[in-house]
Amino acid sequence: MTVSEYLPIFLLFLLSLAFAGLSVIASRLLSPRRKPTAAKNAPYECGIVPNLEPPLRFPVRFYLVAMIFIIFDIEIVFLYPWAVIFRQLQVFGLVEVLVFALVVFAAFLYLVSNGGLTWGPGKRLSEGLPPQRTSDSTIARVSPGAASEQAA
């Protein structure tokens, strides 16, 4: 093999580095310079201050169950061809599939240890929020002067 055969790979590597660098530079140049104000971060829905908590996010358990499904789905896809020719592969094929199954089982144990199959009640974080959200409490939280102006 000559060095000229590696030229396309080297050019692709340089192109990917240039793309990554230009993406970072463009995001720095085009992004807003100021942090959003408290009024921008305040909840807003059709001009009405919401009186209910926003919908909860999907719990992490949902994604862990999805990962478990994907892991076992991929395992089955790889086990079908192995099952067709497992007699031809002999001991080498058996060792390879055992290593593969061990890696999949380790991933499964990791997901279970992180609560992938725990379906207890979700934990709510309500620290820092007033007990009952009203327009006064939300406006007071966003801009202290606005609540007194609205009350007048």
Protein backbone atom coordinates (compact mmCIF):
# COMPACT_ATOMS: atom_id res chain seq x y z
CA MET A 1 0.00 0.00 0.00
CA THR A 2 1.22 3.42 -0.84
CA VAL A 3 0.64 6.71 0.92
CA SER A 4 -1.58 7.93 -1.93
CA GLU A 5 -4.17 5.30 -0.99
CA TYR A 6 -4.61 6.98 2.39
CA LEU A 7 -5.09 10.43 0.88
CA PRO A 8 -8.93 10.24 0.68
CA ILE A 9 -9.12 9.17 4.34
CA PHE A 10 -6.79 11.99 5.37
CA LEU A 11 -8.82 14.52 3.35
CA LEU A 12 -12.05 13.28 4.92
CA PHE A 13 -10.48 13.63 8.36
CA LEU A 14 -9.40 17.21 7.58
CA LEU A 15 -12.86 18.00 6.19
CA SER A 16 -14.54 16.69 9.35
CA LEU A 17 -12.21 18.74 11.56
CA ALA A 18 -12.90 21.85 9.48
CA PHE A 19 -16.66 21.27 9.67
CA ALA A 20 -16.54 20.81 13.46
CA GLY A 21 -14.39 23.90 13.92
CA LEU A 22 -16.52 26.06 11.64
CA SER A 23 -19.69 24.88 13.41
CA VAL A 24 -18.31 25.96 16.78
CA ILE A 25 -17.16 29.31 15.41
CA ALA A 26 -20.49 29.94 13.66
CA SER A 27 -22.45 29.15 16.82
CA ARG A 28 -20.30 31.60 18.79
CA LEU A 29 -20.77 34.34 16.19
CA LEU A 30 -24.49 33.84 15.58
CA SER A 31 -25.73 33.12 19.11
CA PRO A 32 -27.25 35.86 21.28
CA ARG A 33 -24.76 37.56 23.58
CA ARG A 34 -27.14 38.25 26.49
CA LYS A 35 -28.57 35.83 28.99
CA PRO A 36 -32.37 35.69 28.95
CA THR A 37 -34.09 37.88 31.53
CA ALA A 38 -36.40 36.56 34.24
CA ALA A 39 -39.39 37.76 32.21
CA LYS A 40 -38.22 35.69 29.24
CA ASN A 41 -37.91 32.59 31.42
CA ALA A 42 -41.33 33.08 33.03
CA PRO A 43 -44.14 30.68 32.10
CA TYR A 44 -46.40 32.10 29.43
CA GLU A 45 -49.32 30.56 27.62
CA CYS A 46 -51.56 32.64 25.37
CA GLY A 47 -51.14 35.71 27.55
CA ILE A 48 -52.45 33.90 30.63
CA VAL A 49 -50.27 33.03 33.57
CA PRO A 50 -50.64 29.27 34.02
CA ASN A 51 -52.23 28.05 37.23
CA LEU A 52 -51.14 24.43 36.84
CA GLU A 53 -47.73 22.89 37.00
CA PRO A 54 -46.23 22.12 33.60
CA PRO A 55 -46.56 18.51 32.49
CA LEU A 56 -43.99 16.23 34.03
CA ARG A 57 -41.12 15.00 31.96
CA PHE A 58 -40.97 11.36 31.04
CA PRO A 59 -39.20 9.60 33.86
CA VAL A 60 -35.76 8.20 33.14
CA ARG A 61 -37.24 4.75 33.65
CA PHE A 62 -39.11 5.13 30.37
CA TYR A 63 -35.87 5.59 28.47
CA LEU A 64 -34.18 2.78 30.37
CA VAL A 65 -36.94 0.37 29.38
CA ALA A 66 -36.57 1.54 25.77
CA MET A 67 -32.83 0.86 25.99
CA ILE A 68 -33.48 -2.62 27.35
CA PHE A 69 -35.80 -3.31 24.43
CA ILE A 70 -33.21 -2.09 21.92
CA ILE A 71 -30.42 -4.12 23.53
CA PHE A 72 -32.38 -7.36 23.39
CA ASP A 73 -33.73 -6.58 19.94
CA ILE A 74 -30.18 -6.19 18.64
CA GLU A 75 -29.12 -9.36 20.42
CA ILE A 76 -31.86 -11.37 18.71
CA VAL A 77 -30.93 -9.92 15.30
CA PHE A 78 -27.35 -11.11 15.78
CA LEU A 79 -28.30 -14.50 17.19
CA TYR A 80 -30.40 -15.59 14.20
CA PRO A 81 -27.47 -15.84 11.74
CA TRP A 82 -25.36 -17.48 14.42
CA ALA A 83 -28.06 -20.09 15.03
CA VAL A 84 -28.17 -20.93 11.33
CA ILE A 85 -24.46 -21.80 11.10
CA PHE A 86 -23.51 -22.58 14.69
CA ARG A 87 -22.33 -26.14 13.84
CA GLN A 88 -19.86 -24.79 11.29
CA LEU A 89 -18.41 -22.27 13.77
CA GLN A 90 -17.66 -24.95 16.36
CA VAL A 91 -16.01 -23.84 19.63
CA PHE A 92 -14.90 -20.45 18.28
CA GLY A 93 -18.50 -19.52 17.46
CA LEU A 94 -19.69 -20.68 20.87
CA VAL A 95 -17.07 -18.58 22.66
CA GLU A 96 -17.88 -15.52 20.54
CA VAL A 97 -21.62 -15.74 21.21
CA LEU A 98 -20.98 -16.26 24.94
CA VAL A 99 -18.83 -13.11 25.04
CA PHE A 100 -21.54 -11.23 23.15
CA ALA A 101 -24.25 -12.50 25.52
CA LEU A 102 -22.08 -11.56 28.52
CA VAL A 103 -21.73 -7.98 27.25
CA VAL A 104 -25.49 -7.74 26.68
CA PHE A 105 -26.16 -9.16 30.14
CA ALA A 106 -23.76 -6.63 31.69
CA ALA A 107 -25.66 -3.82 29.95
CA PHE A 108 -28.91 -5.27 31.27
CA LEU A 109 -27.54 -5.39 34.83
CA TYR A 110 -26.41 -1.77 34.50
CA LEU A 111 -29.87 -0.66 33.42
CA VAL A 112 -31.57 -2.62 36.19
CA SER A 113 -29.17 -1.20 38.79
CA ASN A 114 -30.13 2.31 37.62
CA GLY A 115 -33.81 1.63 38.21
CA GLY A 116 -34.81 0.52 34.73
CA LEU A 117 -37.48 -1.85 36.02
CA THR A 118 -38.57 0.09 39.12
CA TRP A 119 -42.10 1.34 38.56
CA GLY A 120 -42.77 3.10 41.86
CA PRO A 121 -44.33 6.55 42.08
CA GLY A 122 -42.35 9.35 40.52
CA LYS A 123 -40.63 11.89 42.70
CA ARG A 124 -41.81 15.49 42.41
CA LEU A 125 -39.50 18.41 42.87
CA SER A 126 -41.46 21.34 44.22
CA GLU A 127 -38.71 23.12 46.12
CA GLY A 128 -38.58 26.86 45.47
CA LEU A 129 -42.08 27.14 44.00
CA PRO A 130 -44.97 28.67 45.90
CA PRO A 131 -47.50 26.11 47.19
CA GLN A 132 -50.26 27.41 44.92
CA ARG A 133 -49.37 29.18 41.69
CA THR A 134 -51.36 32.30 41.05
CA SER A 135 -50.85 35.19 38.68
CA ASP A 136 -49.62 37.32 41.61
CA SER A 137 -47.01 34.80 42.72
CA THR A 138 -45.74 34.27 39.18
CA ILE A 139 -45.58 37.97 38.38
CA ALA A 140 -43.92 38.66 41.72
CA ARG A 141 -41.34 36.00 40.99
CA VAL A 142 -40.58 37.45 37.54
CA SER A 143 -40.51 41.12 38.34
CA PRO A 144 -41.14 42.44 41.86
CA GLY A 145 -42.46 45.81 40.63
CA ALA A 146 -45.02 44.29 38.27
CA ALA A 147 -47.16 42.74 41.01
CA SER A 148 -47.71 46.04 42.78
CA GLU A 149 -48.49 47.78 39.47
CA GLN A 150 -51.10 45.16 38.55
CA ALA A 151 -52.74 45.30 41.97
CA ALA A 152 -53.23 49.07 41.65
